[in-house]
Amino acid sequence: VKEYLGRSPWQRFLYRLYRSPLVLFVIGPAYLFIIKNRLPLDTPKTWKKEWASIMWTNVALAGVIGVAWATIGLGKLFLVQMPMLFIALCVGVWLFYIQHQFEDTYWRRHPEWDFYRAGLEGSSYYDLPKWLHWFTGNIGYHHIHHLSSKIPNYKLPQCFREIPELHHVTRLTFWSSLSCIRLKLWDEASGRLIGFRDLARMAPAPT
């Protein structure tokens, strides 16, 4: 909140634009995975192994597209591939976003930050139907993954059932998670995420 209020009107507008659902869940995922991750100019040139991995992946993708172009044509390839890719990117970003961006999440500055509290309180249990848990690789048990990323995804439901302490976290359903879209700013005074309307109500009346 303090950082936002300290920005110029133009900078505030850019932040509002960046945090809008259109950018976060539609434009952003496509840019991040289709463009930025294929040419990560912000990755240090000294990270030769990482750059080599990215470039060889690009070569492989170019080869796949080349074969498709020569056999079925680019039109048919993109007609089939792009809708699936676009939906997967939007849903994937939504799942990661919503499991950290809820009102009583855990955000602390480095000296006060605690690994276990961040794992349990900083990520939610996304209580989805069983078939959606299966389709999403049990990503709804995100708080367990944060505590121990070595647990395979198919073991996460068992961990949740057998360890009662893992139940005492923020539980989100699909419908309750929709209300989290409005949350845009971290209010350090109250220790919670708030929306722009909440900020307007907090601001002192003009004299």
N, C-alpha and C. Protein backbone atom coordinates (compact mmCIF):
# COMPACT_ATOMS: atom_id res chain seq x y z
N VAL A 1 0.84 -1.20 0.00
CA VAL A 1 0.00 0.00 0.00
C VAL A 1 0.87 1.26 0.00
N LYS A 2 1.88 1.27 0.85
CA LYS A 2 2.75 2.46 0.93
C LYS A 2 3.47 2.69 -0.39
N GLU A 3 3.95 1.61 -1.01
CA GLU A 3 4.65 1.76 -2.29
C GLU A 3 3.69 2.27 -3.36
N TYR A 4 2.48 1.76 -3.38
CA TYR A 4 1.50 2.19 -4.37
C TYR A 4 1.15 3.67 -4.19
N LEU A 5 0.92 4.09 -2.96
CA LEU A 5 0.57 5.48 -2.70
C LEU A 5 1.74 6.43 -2.99
N GLY A 6 2.95 5.91 -2.96
CA GLY A 6 4.11 6.73 -3.24
C GLY A 6 4.42 6.88 -4.71
N ARG A 7 3.66 6.21 -5.57
CA ARG A 7 3.90 6.27 -7.01
C ARG A 7 3.14 7.43 -7.64
N SER A 8 3.60 7.80 -8.84
CA SER A 8 2.91 8.85 -9.60
C SER A 8 1.60 8.31 -10.16
N PRO A 9 0.68 9.18 -10.57
CA PRO A 9 -0.58 8.70 -11.16
C PRO A 9 -0.36 7.76 -12.35
N TRP A 10 0.63 8.04 -13.19
CA TRP A 10 0.90 7.17 -14.33
C TRP A 10 1.37 5.79 -13.88
N GLN A 11 2.25 5.77 -12.86
CA GLN A 11 2.74 4.49 -12.35
C GLN A 11 1.62 3.70 -11.69
N ARG A 12 0.71 4.40 -11.02
CA ARG A 12 -0.44 3.71 -10.42
C ARG A 12 -1.32 3.11 -11.51
N PHE A 13 -1.52 3.85 -12.59
CA PHE A 13 -2.32 3.34 -13.70
C PHE A 13 -1.69 2.08 -14.29
N LEU A 14 -0.37 2.09 -14.46
CA LEU A 14 0.32 0.93 -15.02
C LEU A 14 0.18 -0.28 -14.09
N TYR A 15 0.24 -0.03 -12.79
CA TYR A 15 0.09 -1.14 -11.84
C TYR A 15 -1.33 -1.70 -11.90
N ARG A 16 -2.31 -0.81 -11.95
CA ARG A 16 -3.70 -1.26 -12.07
C ARG A 16 -3.91 -2.07 -13.35
N LEU A 17 -3.28 -1.62 -14.43
CA LEU A 17 -3.39 -2.34 -15.70
C LEU A 17 -2.75 -3.72 -15.58
N TYR A 18 -1.57 -3.77 -14.99
CA TYR A 18 -0.86 -5.03 -14.82
C TYR A 18 -1.66 -6.02 -13.97
N ARG A 19 -2.35 -5.52 -12.94
CA ARG A 19 -3.09 -6.39 -12.04
C ARG A 19 -4.52 -6.66 -12.51
N SER A 20 -4.88 -6.19 -13.68
CA SER A 20 -6.24 -6.43 -14.18
C SER A 20 -6.36 -7.89 -14.63
N PRO A 21 -7.54 -8.49 -14.50
CA PRO A 21 -7.73 -9.90 -14.91
C PRO A 21 -7.36 -10.15 -16.36
N LEU A 22 -7.62 -9.19 -17.24
CA LEU A 22 -7.29 -9.37 -18.66
C LEU A 22 -5.80 -9.59 -18.87
N VAL A 23 -4.99 -8.80 -18.17
CA VAL A 23 -3.54 -8.92 -18.31
C VAL A 23 -3.03 -10.15 -17.55
N LEU A 24 -3.52 -10.35 -16.32
CA LEU A 24 -3.01 -11.43 -15.48
C LEU A 24 -3.32 -12.82 -16.04
N PHE A 25 -4.53 -12.99 -16.56
CA PHE A 25 -4.98 -14.34 -16.90
C PHE A 25 -5.17 -14.59 -18.39
N VAL A 26 -5.01 -13.55 -19.22
CA VAL A 26 -5.20 -13.75 -20.66
C VAL A 26 -3.94 -13.33 -21.43
N ILE A 27 -3.59 -12.05 -21.35
CA ILE A 27 -2.43 -11.55 -22.10
C ILE A 27 -1.13 -12.03 -21.47
N GLY A 28 -1.04 -11.93 -20.15
CA GLY A 28 0.19 -12.27 -19.44
C GLY A 28 0.68 -13.69 -19.67
N PRO A 29 -0.18 -14.71 -19.49
CA PRO A 29 0.29 -16.08 -19.70
C PRO A 29 0.82 -16.33 -21.11
N ALA A 30 0.12 -15.79 -22.12
CA ALA A 30 0.58 -15.98 -23.50
C ALA A 30 1.94 -15.33 -23.71
N TYR A 31 2.11 -14.11 -23.19
CA TYR A 31 3.40 -13.42 -23.33
C TYR A 31 4.51 -14.17 -22.59
N LEU A 32 4.21 -14.61 -21.35
CA LEU A 32 5.23 -15.24 -20.52
C LEU A 32 5.74 -16.54 -21.12
N PHE A 33 4.82 -17.42 -21.53
CA PHE A 33 5.24 -18.76 -21.93
C PHE A 33 5.57 -18.87 -23.42
N ILE A 34 4.91 -18.07 -24.25
CA ILE A 34 5.15 -18.18 -25.69
C ILE A 34 6.29 -17.29 -26.15
N ILE A 35 6.46 -16.13 -25.51
CA ILE A 35 7.48 -15.18 -25.94
C ILE A 35 8.65 -15.10 -24.95
N LYS A 36 8.36 -14.69 -23.73
CA LYS A 36 9.45 -14.40 -22.77
C LYS A 36 10.27 -15.64 -22.44
N ASN A 37 9.62 -16.77 -22.17
CA ASN A 37 10.38 -17.97 -21.81
C ASN A 37 11.17 -18.56 -22.98
N ARG A 38 10.80 -18.18 -24.20
CA ARG A 38 11.53 -18.66 -25.36
C ARG A 38 12.74 -17.77 -25.66
N LEU A 39 12.70 -16.53 -25.17
CA LEU A 39 13.82 -15.61 -25.35
C LEU A 39 13.98 -14.78 -24.08
N PRO A 40 14.49 -15.40 -23.03
CA PRO A 40 14.58 -14.74 -21.72
C PRO A 40 15.77 -13.78 -21.64
N LEU A 41 15.59 -12.59 -22.17
CA LEU A 41 16.69 -11.64 -22.23
C LEU A 41 17.15 -11.17 -20.86
N ASP A 42 16.31 -11.38 -19.83
CA ASP A 42 16.71 -10.97 -18.48
C ASP A 42 17.53 -12.05 -17.77
N THR A 43 17.74 -13.20 -18.43
CA THR A 43 18.59 -14.24 -17.86
C THR A 43 20.06 -13.89 -18.12
N PRO A 44 20.91 -13.88 -17.08
CA PRO A 44 22.32 -13.51 -17.28
C PRO A 44 23.00 -14.37 -18.34
N LYS A 45 23.80 -13.75 -19.17
CA LYS A 45 24.52 -14.47 -20.22
C LYS A 45 25.52 -15.46 -19.63
N THR A 46 25.91 -15.26 -18.38
CA THR A 46 26.86 -16.17 -17.75
C THR A 46 26.22 -17.50 -17.39
N TRP A 47 24.88 -17.57 -17.41
CA TRP A 47 24.19 -18.82 -17.12
C TRP A 47 24.15 -19.65 -18.40
N LYS A 48 25.28 -20.16 -18.79
CA LYS A 48 25.40 -20.83 -20.08
C LYS A 48 24.56 -22.10 -20.16
N LYS A 49 24.48 -22.85 -19.07
CA LYS A 49 23.70 -24.08 -19.07
C LYS A 49 22.22 -23.79 -19.29
N GLU A 50 21.72 -22.75 -18.62
CA GLU A 50 20.31 -22.40 -18.76
C GLU A 50 20.01 -21.91 -20.18
N TRP A 51 20.91 -21.06 -20.71
CA TRP A 51 20.71 -20.56 -22.06
C TRP A 51 20.75 -21.69 -23.08
N ALA A 52 21.68 -22.64 -22.90
CA ALA A 52 21.76 -23.78 -23.81
C ALA A 52 20.48 -24.60 -23.77
N SER A 53 19.94 -24.80 -22.56
CA SER A 53 18.69 -25.56 -22.43
C SER A 53 17.55 -24.88 -23.18
N ILE A 54 17.46 -23.57 -23.03
CA ILE A 54 16.40 -22.82 -23.70
C ILE A 54 16.55 -22.86 -25.21
N MET A 55 17.77 -22.65 -25.68
CA MET A 55 17.99 -22.62 -27.13
C MET A 55 17.75 -23.98 -27.78
N TRP A 56 18.16 -25.07 -27.12
CA TRP A 56 17.91 -26.39 -27.67
C TRP A 56 16.41 -26.72 -27.67
N THR A 57 15.71 -26.22 -26.65
CA THR A 57 14.25 -26.38 -26.65
C THR A 57 13.63 -25.63 -27.82
N ASN A 58 14.14 -24.43 -28.09
CA ASN A 58 13.65 -23.65 -29.23
C ASN A 58 13.91 -24.37 -30.55
N VAL A 59 15.08 -24.99 -30.65
CA VAL A 59 15.41 -25.75 -31.86
C VAL A 59 14.44 -26.92 -32.04
N ALA A 60 14.16 -27.61 -30.95
CA ALA A 60 13.22 -28.74 -31.01
C ALA A 60 11.83 -28.27 -31.42
N LEU A 61 11.37 -27.16 -30.85
CA LEU A 61 10.06 -26.62 -31.20
C LEU A 61 10.01 -26.20 -32.67
N ALA A 62 11.10 -25.59 -33.12
CA ALA A 62 11.16 -25.19 -34.53
C ALA A 62 11.09 -26.42 -35.44
N GLY A 63 11.74 -27.51 -35.01
CA GLY A 63 11.68 -28.74 -35.78
C GLY A 63 10.28 -29.32 -35.86
N VAL A 64 9.57 -29.32 -34.71
CA VAL A 64 8.20 -29.82 -34.68
C VAL A 64 7.30 -28.99 -35.60
N ILE A 65 7.44 -27.66 -35.52
CA ILE A 65 6.64 -26.78 -36.36
C ILE A 65 6.98 -26.98 -37.84
N GLY A 66 8.28 -27.18 -38.13
CA GLY A 66 8.70 -27.41 -39.51
C GLY A 66 8.10 -28.68 -40.08
N VAL A 67 8.11 -29.77 -39.30
CA VAL A 67 7.52 -31.03 -39.76
C VAL A 67 6.02 -30.87 -39.98
N ALA A 68 5.36 -30.18 -39.04
CA ALA A 68 3.91 -29.96 -39.18
C ALA A 68 3.60 -29.11 -40.41
N TRP A 69 4.43 -28.12 -40.65
CA TRP A 69 4.24 -27.25 -41.82
C TRP A 69 4.33 -28.07 -43.11
N ALA A 70 5.29 -28.99 -43.14
CA ALA A 70 5.51 -29.79 -44.35
C ALA A 70 4.46 -30.89 -44.54
N THR A 71 3.74 -31.25 -43.47
CA THR A 71 2.80 -32.36 -43.58
C THR A 71 1.34 -31.90 -43.55
N ILE A 72 0.91 -31.31 -42.45
CA ILE A 72 -0.51 -30.90 -42.35
C ILE A 72 -0.72 -29.42 -42.64
N GLY A 73 0.34 -28.62 -42.61
CA GLY A 73 0.22 -27.18 -42.83
C GLY A 73 0.09 -26.42 -41.52
N LEU A 74 0.59 -25.19 -41.53
CA LEU A 74 0.57 -24.38 -40.32
C LEU A 74 -0.85 -24.03 -39.88
N GLY A 75 -1.74 -23.85 -40.85
CA GLY A 75 -3.11 -23.48 -40.51
C GLY A 75 -3.77 -24.52 -39.63
N LYS A 76 -3.67 -25.78 -40.01
CA LYS A 76 -4.30 -26.85 -39.22
C LYS A 76 -3.58 -27.03 -37.88
N LEU A 77 -2.26 -26.88 -37.90
CA LEU A 77 -1.51 -27.00 -36.65
C LEU A 77 -1.98 -25.98 -35.63
N PHE A 78 -2.04 -24.72 -36.03
CA PHE A 78 -2.43 -23.67 -35.09
C PHE A 78 -3.91 -23.74 -34.74
N LEU A 79 -4.73 -24.22 -35.66
CA LEU A 79 -6.16 -24.37 -35.38
C LEU A 79 -6.40 -25.36 -34.25
N VAL A 80 -5.57 -26.39 -34.19
CA VAL A 80 -5.71 -27.41 -33.14
C VAL A 80 -4.90 -27.04 -31.90
N GLN A 81 -3.66 -26.61 -32.10
CA GLN A 81 -2.73 -26.43 -30.99
C GLN A 81 -2.98 -25.16 -30.19
N MET A 82 -3.25 -24.05 -30.88
CA MET A 82 -3.33 -22.77 -30.18
C MET A 82 -4.47 -22.70 -29.17
N PRO A 83 -5.69 -23.16 -29.48
CA PRO A 83 -6.74 -23.11 -28.45
C PRO A 83 -6.37 -23.93 -27.21
N MET A 84 -5.81 -25.13 -27.41
CA MET A 84 -5.42 -25.95 -26.27
C MET A 84 -4.33 -25.27 -25.45
N LEU A 85 -3.33 -24.73 -26.15
CA LEU A 85 -2.23 -24.06 -25.47
C LEU A 85 -2.72 -22.84 -24.70
N PHE A 86 -3.58 -22.05 -25.33
CA PHE A 86 -4.08 -20.83 -24.71
C PHE A 86 -4.88 -21.14 -23.45
N ILE A 87 -5.77 -22.14 -23.53
CA ILE A 87 -6.58 -22.51 -22.37
C ILE A 87 -5.69 -23.04 -21.25
N ALA A 88 -4.72 -23.90 -21.60
CA ALA A 88 -3.83 -24.46 -20.59
C ALA A 88 -3.02 -23.37 -19.89
N LEU A 89 -2.54 -22.38 -20.65
CA LEU A 89 -1.75 -21.30 -20.05
C LEU A 89 -2.60 -20.48 -19.09
N CYS A 90 -3.80 -20.12 -19.51
CA CYS A 90 -4.68 -19.29 -18.66
C CYS A 90 -5.05 -20.03 -17.38
N VAL A 91 -5.43 -21.31 -17.51
CA VAL A 91 -5.82 -22.09 -16.34
C VAL A 91 -4.62 -22.30 -15.42
N GLY A 92 -3.45 -22.59 -16.01
CA GLY A 92 -2.26 -22.82 -15.20
C GLY A 92 -1.86 -21.61 -14.38
N VAL A 93 -1.88 -20.45 -15.00
CA VAL A 93 -1.54 -19.22 -14.27
C VAL A 93 -2.58 -18.93 -13.20
N TRP A 94 -3.84 -19.17 -13.50
CA TRP A 94 -4.90 -18.98 -12.51
C TRP A 94 -4.66 -19.85 -11.28
N LEU A 95 -4.34 -21.12 -11.49
CA LEU A 95 -4.15 -22.05 -10.38
C LEU A 95 -2.99 -21.60 -9.48
N PHE A 96 -1.88 -21.22 -10.08
CA PHE A 96 -0.74 -20.78 -9.26
C PHE A 96 -1.05 -19.45 -8.57
N TYR A 97 -1.70 -18.56 -9.28
CA TYR A 97 -2.00 -17.24 -8.74
C TYR A 97 -2.92 -17.33 -7.53
N ILE A 98 -4.03 -18.05 -7.70
CA ILE A 98 -5.08 -18.02 -6.69
C ILE A 98 -4.66 -18.72 -5.41
N GLN A 99 -3.65 -19.57 -5.48
CA GLN A 99 -3.24 -20.29 -4.28
C GLN A 99 -2.24 -19.50 -3.45
N HIS A 100 -1.96 -18.28 -3.86
CA HIS A 100 -1.11 -17.39 -3.06
C HIS A 100 -1.77 -16.04 -2.81
N GLN A 101 -2.72 -15.67 -3.64
CA GLN A 101 -3.30 -14.33 -3.58
C GLN A 101 -4.69 -14.37 -2.93
N PHE A 102 -4.72 -14.65 -1.64
CA PHE A 102 -5.97 -14.61 -0.88
C PHE A 102 -5.78 -13.67 0.31
N GLU A 103 -6.87 -13.27 0.91
CA GLU A 103 -6.84 -12.15 1.85
C GLU A 103 -5.88 -12.35 3.01
N ASP A 104 -5.91 -13.51 3.66
CA ASP A 104 -5.09 -13.71 4.86
C ASP A 104 -3.83 -14.53 4.56
N THR A 105 -3.26 -14.33 3.38
CA THR A 105 -2.04 -15.05 3.02
C THR A 105 -0.88 -14.58 3.90
N TYR A 106 0.26 -15.21 3.75
CA TYR A 106 1.42 -14.91 4.60
C TYR A 106 2.50 -14.23 3.77
N TRP A 107 2.70 -12.96 4.01
CA TRP A 107 3.79 -12.21 3.39
C TRP A 107 4.55 -11.51 4.51
N ARG A 108 5.84 -11.74 4.58
CA ARG A 108 6.67 -11.08 5.59
C ARG A 108 7.98 -10.63 4.96
N ARG A 109 8.56 -9.60 5.54
CA ARG A 109 9.89 -9.19 5.10
C ARG A 109 10.91 -10.22 5.57
N HIS A 110 12.05 -10.22 4.92
CA HIS A 110 13.01 -11.31 5.08
C HIS A 110 13.38 -11.63 6.53
N PRO A 111 13.69 -10.64 7.38
CA PRO A 111 14.10 -11.00 8.75
C PRO A 111 13.02 -11.75 9.53
N GLU A 112 11.74 -11.52 9.20
CA GLU A 112 10.64 -12.14 9.94
C GLU A 112 10.09 -13.38 9.23
N TRP A 113 10.60 -13.66 8.04
CA TRP A 113 10.01 -14.73 7.23
C TRP A 113 10.33 -16.10 7.82
N ASP A 114 9.32 -16.99 7.83
CA ASP A 114 9.49 -18.32 8.38
C ASP A 114 9.07 -19.35 7.33
N PHE A 115 9.93 -20.32 7.06
CA PHE A 115 9.69 -21.30 6.00
C PHE A 115 8.38 -22.06 6.20
N TYR A 116 8.14 -22.56 7.39
CA TYR A 116 6.98 -23.41 7.62
C TYR A 116 5.68 -22.60 7.62
N ARG A 117 5.71 -21.41 8.18
CA ARG A 117 4.52 -20.56 8.14
C ARG A 117 4.22 -20.12 6.71
N ALA A 118 5.28 -19.84 5.96
CA ALA A 118 5.08 -19.45 4.56
C ALA A 118 4.46 -20.59 3.76
N GLY A 119 4.89 -21.83 4.05
CA GLY A 119 4.34 -22.98 3.34
C GLY A 119 2.87 -23.21 3.67
N LEU A 120 2.53 -23.16 4.94
CA LEU A 120 1.16 -23.47 5.37
C LEU A 120 0.21 -22.28 5.24
N GLU A 121 0.69 -21.09 5.57
CA GLU A 121 -0.19 -19.93 5.58
C GLU A 121 -0.10 -19.11 4.30
N GLY A 122 0.99 -19.28 3.57
CA GLY A 122 1.18 -18.49 2.36
C GLY A 122 0.65 -19.16 1.11
N SER A 123 0.16 -20.37 1.23
CA SER A 123 -0.47 -21.05 0.10
C SER A 123 -1.71 -21.75 0.61
N SER A 124 -2.70 -21.87 -0.25
CA SER A 124 -4.01 -22.35 0.18
C SER A 124 -4.22 -23.82 -0.17
N TYR A 125 -5.27 -24.37 0.43
CA TYR A 125 -5.79 -25.66 0.00
C TYR A 125 -6.96 -25.37 -0.94
N TYR A 126 -6.76 -25.65 -2.20
CA TYR A 126 -7.79 -25.38 -3.21
C TYR A 126 -8.67 -26.62 -3.29
N ASP A 127 -9.81 -26.55 -2.61
CA ASP A 127 -10.70 -27.71 -2.46
C ASP A 127 -11.55 -27.87 -3.72
N LEU A 128 -11.04 -28.63 -4.65
CA LEU A 128 -11.71 -28.84 -5.92
C LEU A 128 -12.38 -30.22 -5.94
N PRO A 129 -13.31 -30.45 -6.85
CA PRO A 129 -13.86 -31.80 -7.02
C PRO A 129 -12.74 -32.79 -7.35
N LYS A 130 -12.96 -34.07 -7.03
CA LYS A 130 -11.90 -35.07 -7.22
C LYS A 130 -11.41 -35.13 -8.66
N TRP A 131 -12.33 -35.01 -9.60
CA TRP A 131 -11.92 -35.12 -11.00
C TRP A 131 -11.05 -33.94 -11.41
N LEU A 132 -11.28 -32.77 -10.80
CA LEU A 132 -10.43 -31.62 -11.10
C LEU A 132 -9.07 -31.74 -10.42
N HIS A 133 -9.05 -32.35 -9.22
CA HIS A 133 -7.75 -32.63 -8.60
C HIS A 133 -6.92 -33.52 -9.51
N TRP A 134 -7.59 -34.52 -10.11
CA TRP A 134 -6.87 -35.43 -11.00
C TRP A 134 -6.34 -34.70 -12.23
N PHE A 135 -7.20 -33.87 -12.84
CA PHE A 135 -6.81 -33.16 -14.06
C PHE A 135 -5.70 -32.15 -13.80
N THR A 136 -5.63 -31.61 -12.60
CA THR A 136 -4.64 -30.58 -12.30
C THR A 136 -3.43 -31.14 -11.53
N GLY A 137 -3.30 -32.45 -11.48
CA GLY A 137 -2.13 -33.05 -10.81
C GLY A 137 -2.08 -32.76 -9.33
N ASN A 138 -3.26 -32.65 -8.70
CA ASN A 138 -3.36 -32.40 -7.25
C ASN A 138 -2.69 -31.10 -6.83
N ILE A 139 -2.69 -30.12 -7.72
CA ILE A 139 -2.07 -28.85 -7.38
C ILE A 139 -2.83 -28.11 -6.27
N GLY A 140 -4.08 -28.54 -6.03
CA GLY A 140 -4.87 -27.92 -4.96
C GLY A 140 -4.24 -28.09 -3.58
N TYR A 141 -3.42 -29.13 -3.41
CA TYR A 141 -2.73 -29.35 -2.13
C TYR A 141 -1.41 -28.58 -2.14
N HIS A 142 -1.51 -27.33 -2.48
CA HIS A 142 -0.31 -26.53 -2.75
C HIS A 142 0.50 -26.28 -1.49
N HIS A 143 -0.18 -26.19 -0.35
CA HIS A 143 0.53 -25.91 0.89
C HIS A 143 1.45 -27.07 1.27
N ILE A 144 1.05 -28.30 0.95
CA ILE A 144 1.90 -29.45 1.24
C ILE A 144 3.11 -29.45 0.31
N HIS A 145 2.88 -29.11 -0.94
CA HIS A 145 3.98 -29.03 -1.90
C HIS A 145 5.03 -28.02 -1.45
N HIS A 146 4.59 -26.91 -0.87
CA HIS A 146 5.53 -25.89 -0.42
C HIS A 146 6.35 -26.39 0.77
N LEU A 147 5.73 -27.17 1.64
CA LEU A 147 6.46 -27.69 2.79
C LEU A 147 7.50 -28.71 2.36
N SER A 148 7.16 -29.54 1.37
CA SER A 148 8.09 -30.56 0.91
C SER A 148 7.84 -30.82 -0.57
N SER A 149 8.64 -30.22 -1.41
CA SER A 149 8.44 -30.35 -2.86
C SER A 149 8.84 -31.73 -3.38
N LYS A 150 9.46 -32.55 -2.54
CA LYS A 150 9.87 -33.88 -2.98
C LYS A 150 8.73 -34.89 -2.92
N ILE A 151 7.63 -34.54 -2.28
CA ILE A 151 6.48 -35.46 -2.24
C ILE A 151 5.85 -35.50 -3.62
N PRO A 152 5.72 -36.67 -4.23
CA PRO A 152 5.11 -36.74 -5.56
C PRO A 152 3.65 -36.33 -5.51
N ASN A 153 3.16 -35.77 -6.60
CA ASN A 153 1.81 -35.20 -6.59
C ASN A 153 0.74 -36.24 -6.27
N TYR A 154 0.94 -37.50 -6.64
CA TYR A 154 -0.09 -38.51 -6.38
C TYR A 154 -0.13 -38.93 -4.91
N LYS A 155 0.84 -38.49 -4.11
CA LYS A 155 0.85 -38.78 -2.68
C LYS A 155 0.29 -37.63 -1.84
N LEU A 156 0.06 -36.49 -2.46
CA LEU A 156 -0.40 -35.32 -1.70
C LEU A 156 -1.74 -35.53 -1.02
N PRO A 157 -2.75 -36.13 -1.69
CA PRO A 157 -4.03 -36.36 -0.98
C PRO A 157 -3.87 -37.26 0.24
N GLN A 158 -3.02 -38.27 0.16
CA GLN A 158 -2.79 -39.15 1.30
C GLN A 158 -2.16 -38.39 2.46
N CYS A 159 -1.19 -37.54 2.15
CA CYS A 159 -0.58 -36.70 3.20
C CYS A 159 -1.64 -35.84 3.87
N PHE A 160 -2.51 -35.27 3.07
CA PHE A 160 -3.55 -34.39 3.60
C PHE A 160 -4.49 -35.16 4.52
N ARG A 161 -4.85 -36.37 4.13
CA ARG A 161 -5.77 -37.18 4.94
C ARG A 161 -5.15 -37.62 6.26
N GLU A 162 -3.87 -37.94 6.24
CA GLU A 162 -3.24 -38.57 7.39
C GLU A 162 -2.58 -37.60 8.37
N ILE A 163 -2.43 -36.34 7.99
CA ILE A 163 -1.77 -35.38 8.88
C ILE A 163 -2.76 -34.25 9.19
N PRO A 164 -3.41 -34.30 10.35
CA PRO A 164 -4.46 -33.32 10.69
C PRO A 164 -3.97 -31.87 10.65
N GLU A 165 -2.68 -31.64 10.97
CA GLU A 165 -2.18 -30.26 10.99
C GLU A 165 -2.26 -29.60 9.62
N LEU A 166 -2.28 -30.40 8.57
CA LEU A 166 -2.35 -29.85 7.22
C LEU A 166 -3.74 -29.35 6.87
N HIS A 167 -4.71 -29.61 7.74
CA HIS A 167 -6.08 -29.15 7.49
C HIS A 167 -6.29 -27.71 7.95
N HIS A 168 -5.40 -27.23 8.81
CA HIS A 168 -5.59 -25.90 9.40
C HIS A 168 -4.94 -24.83 8.53
N VAL A 169 -5.43 -24.71 7.32
CA VAL A 169 -4.94 -23.71 6.37
C VAL A 169 -6.14 -23.05 5.71
N THR A 170 -5.88 -22.00 4.95
CA THR A 170 -6.96 -21.34 4.21
C THR A 170 -7.51 -22.29 3.15
N ARG A 171 -8.80 -22.52 3.21
CA ARG A 171 -9.46 -23.41 2.24
C ARG A 171 -10.24 -22.54 1.25
N LEU A 172 -9.98 -22.78 -0.02
CA LEU A 172 -10.67 -22.07 -1.08
C LEU A 172 -11.42 -23.07 -1.95
N THR A 173 -12.65 -22.74 -2.28
CA THR A 173 -13.36 -23.48 -3.31
C THR A 173 -13.27 -22.66 -4.60
N PHE A 174 -13.75 -23.22 -5.69
CA PHE A 174 -13.69 -22.47 -6.94
C PHE A 174 -14.49 -21.18 -6.81
N TRP A 175 -15.68 -21.24 -6.22
CA TRP A 175 -16.53 -20.06 -6.14
C TRP A 175 -15.97 -19.04 -5.17
N SER A 176 -15.43 -19.48 -4.04
CA SER A 176 -14.86 -18.51 -3.10
C SER A 176 -13.57 -17.90 -3.64
N SER A 177 -12.87 -18.63 -4.48
CA SER A 177 -11.61 -18.10 -5.03
C SER A 177 -11.86 -16.95 -5.99
N LEU A 178 -13.05 -16.89 -6.59
CA LEU A 178 -13.34 -15.81 -7.54
C LEU A 178 -13.29 -14.44 -6.86
N SER A 179 -13.63 -14.40 -5.57
CA SER A 179 -13.61 -13.12 -4.85
C SER A 179 -12.20 -12.62 -4.64
N CYS A 180 -11.20 -13.49 -4.79
CA CYS A 180 -9.80 -13.08 -4.58
C CYS A 180 -9.27 -12.24 -5.74
N ILE A 181 -9.98 -12.22 -6.85
CA ILE A 181 -9.51 -11.46 -8.00
C ILE A 181 -9.39 -9.97 -7.68
N ARG A 182 -10.23 -9.49 -6.76
CA ARG A 182 -10.23 -8.06 -6.45
C ARG A 182 -9.04 -7.65 -5.60
N LEU A 183 -8.32 -8.59 -5.01
CA LEU A 183 -7.22 -8.27 -4.11
C LEU A 183 -5.98 -7.86 -4.89
N LYS A 184 -5.46 -6.67 -4.61
CA LYS A 184 -4.38 -6.10 -5.42
C LYS A 184 -3.18 -5.60 -4.64
N LEU A 185 -3.36 -5.29 -3.36
CA LEU A 185 -2.30 -4.63 -2.59
C LEU A 185 -2.13 -5.30 -1.24
N TRP A 186 -0.90 -5.37 -0.78
CA TRP A 186 -0.63 -5.92 0.55
C TRP A 186 -0.58 -4.77 1.56
N ASP A 187 -1.47 -4.84 2.54
CA ASP A 187 -1.52 -3.83 3.59
C ASP A 187 -0.71 -4.33 4.78
N GLU A 188 0.47 -3.78 4.96
CA GLU A 188 1.34 -4.24 6.04
C GLU A 188 0.76 -3.94 7.41
N ALA A 189 -0.03 -2.88 7.51
CA ALA A 189 -0.59 -2.51 8.81
C ALA A 189 -1.55 -3.58 9.33
N SER A 190 -2.39 -4.12 8.45
CA SER A 190 -3.37 -5.12 8.86
C SER A 190 -2.92 -6.54 8.54
N GLY A 191 -1.85 -6.69 7.76
CA GLY A 191 -1.36 -8.01 7.43
C GLY A 191 -2.30 -8.79 6.54
N ARG A 192 -2.85 -8.13 5.52
CA ARG A 192 -3.77 -8.82 4.61
C ARG A 192 -3.74 -8.15 3.25
N LEU A 193 -4.21 -8.89 2.26
CA LEU A 193 -4.37 -8.33 0.92
C LEU A 193 -5.69 -7.57 0.84
N ILE A 194 -5.66 -6.43 0.16
CA ILE A 194 -6.87 -5.63 0.01
C ILE A 194 -7.04 -5.24 -1.46
N GLY A 195 -8.22 -4.75 -1.78
CA GLY A 195 -8.50 -4.27 -3.12
C GLY A 195 -8.40 -2.76 -3.19
N PHE A 196 -8.53 -2.22 -4.39
CA PHE A 196 -8.45 -0.77 -4.55
C PHE A 196 -9.62 -0.06 -3.87
N ARG A 197 -10.79 -0.69 -3.83
CA ARG A 197 -11.93 -0.09 -3.12
C ARG A 197 -11.67 -0.03 -1.62
N ASP A 198 -11.03 -1.09 -1.09
CA ASP A 198 -10.67 -1.06 0.34
C ASP A 198 -9.71 0.09 0.61
N LEU A 199 -8.77 0.31 -0.30
CA LEU A 199 -7.81 1.40 -0.13
C LEU A 199 -8.52 2.75 -0.14
N ALA A 200 -9.49 2.89 -1.01
CA ALA A 200 -10.23 4.16 -1.10
C ALA A 200 -10.97 4.44 0.20
N ARG A 201 -11.51 3.38 0.83
CA ARG A 201 -12.21 3.58 2.10
C ARG A 201 -11.24 3.89 3.24
N MET A 202 -10.01 3.40 3.14
CA MET A 202 -9.01 3.67 4.16
C MET A 202 -8.44 5.06 4.07
N ALA A 203 -8.41 5.63 2.86
CA ALA A 203 -7.78 6.93 2.66
C ALA A 203 -8.52 8.02 3.43
N PRO A 204 -7.77 8.95 4.05
CA PRO A 204 -8.43 10.04 4.79
C PRO A 204 -9.19 10.94 3.85
N ALA A 205 -10.31 11.48 4.34
CA ALA A 205 -11.12 12.38 3.52
C ALA A 205 -10.35 13.66 3.26
N PRO A 206 -10.46 14.24 2.05
CA PRO A 206 -9.75 15.48 1.73
C PRO A 206 -10.26 16.63 2.58
N THR A 207 -9.36 17.54 2.98
CA THR A 207 -9.75 18.69 3.79
C THR A 207 -10.00 19.87 2.88
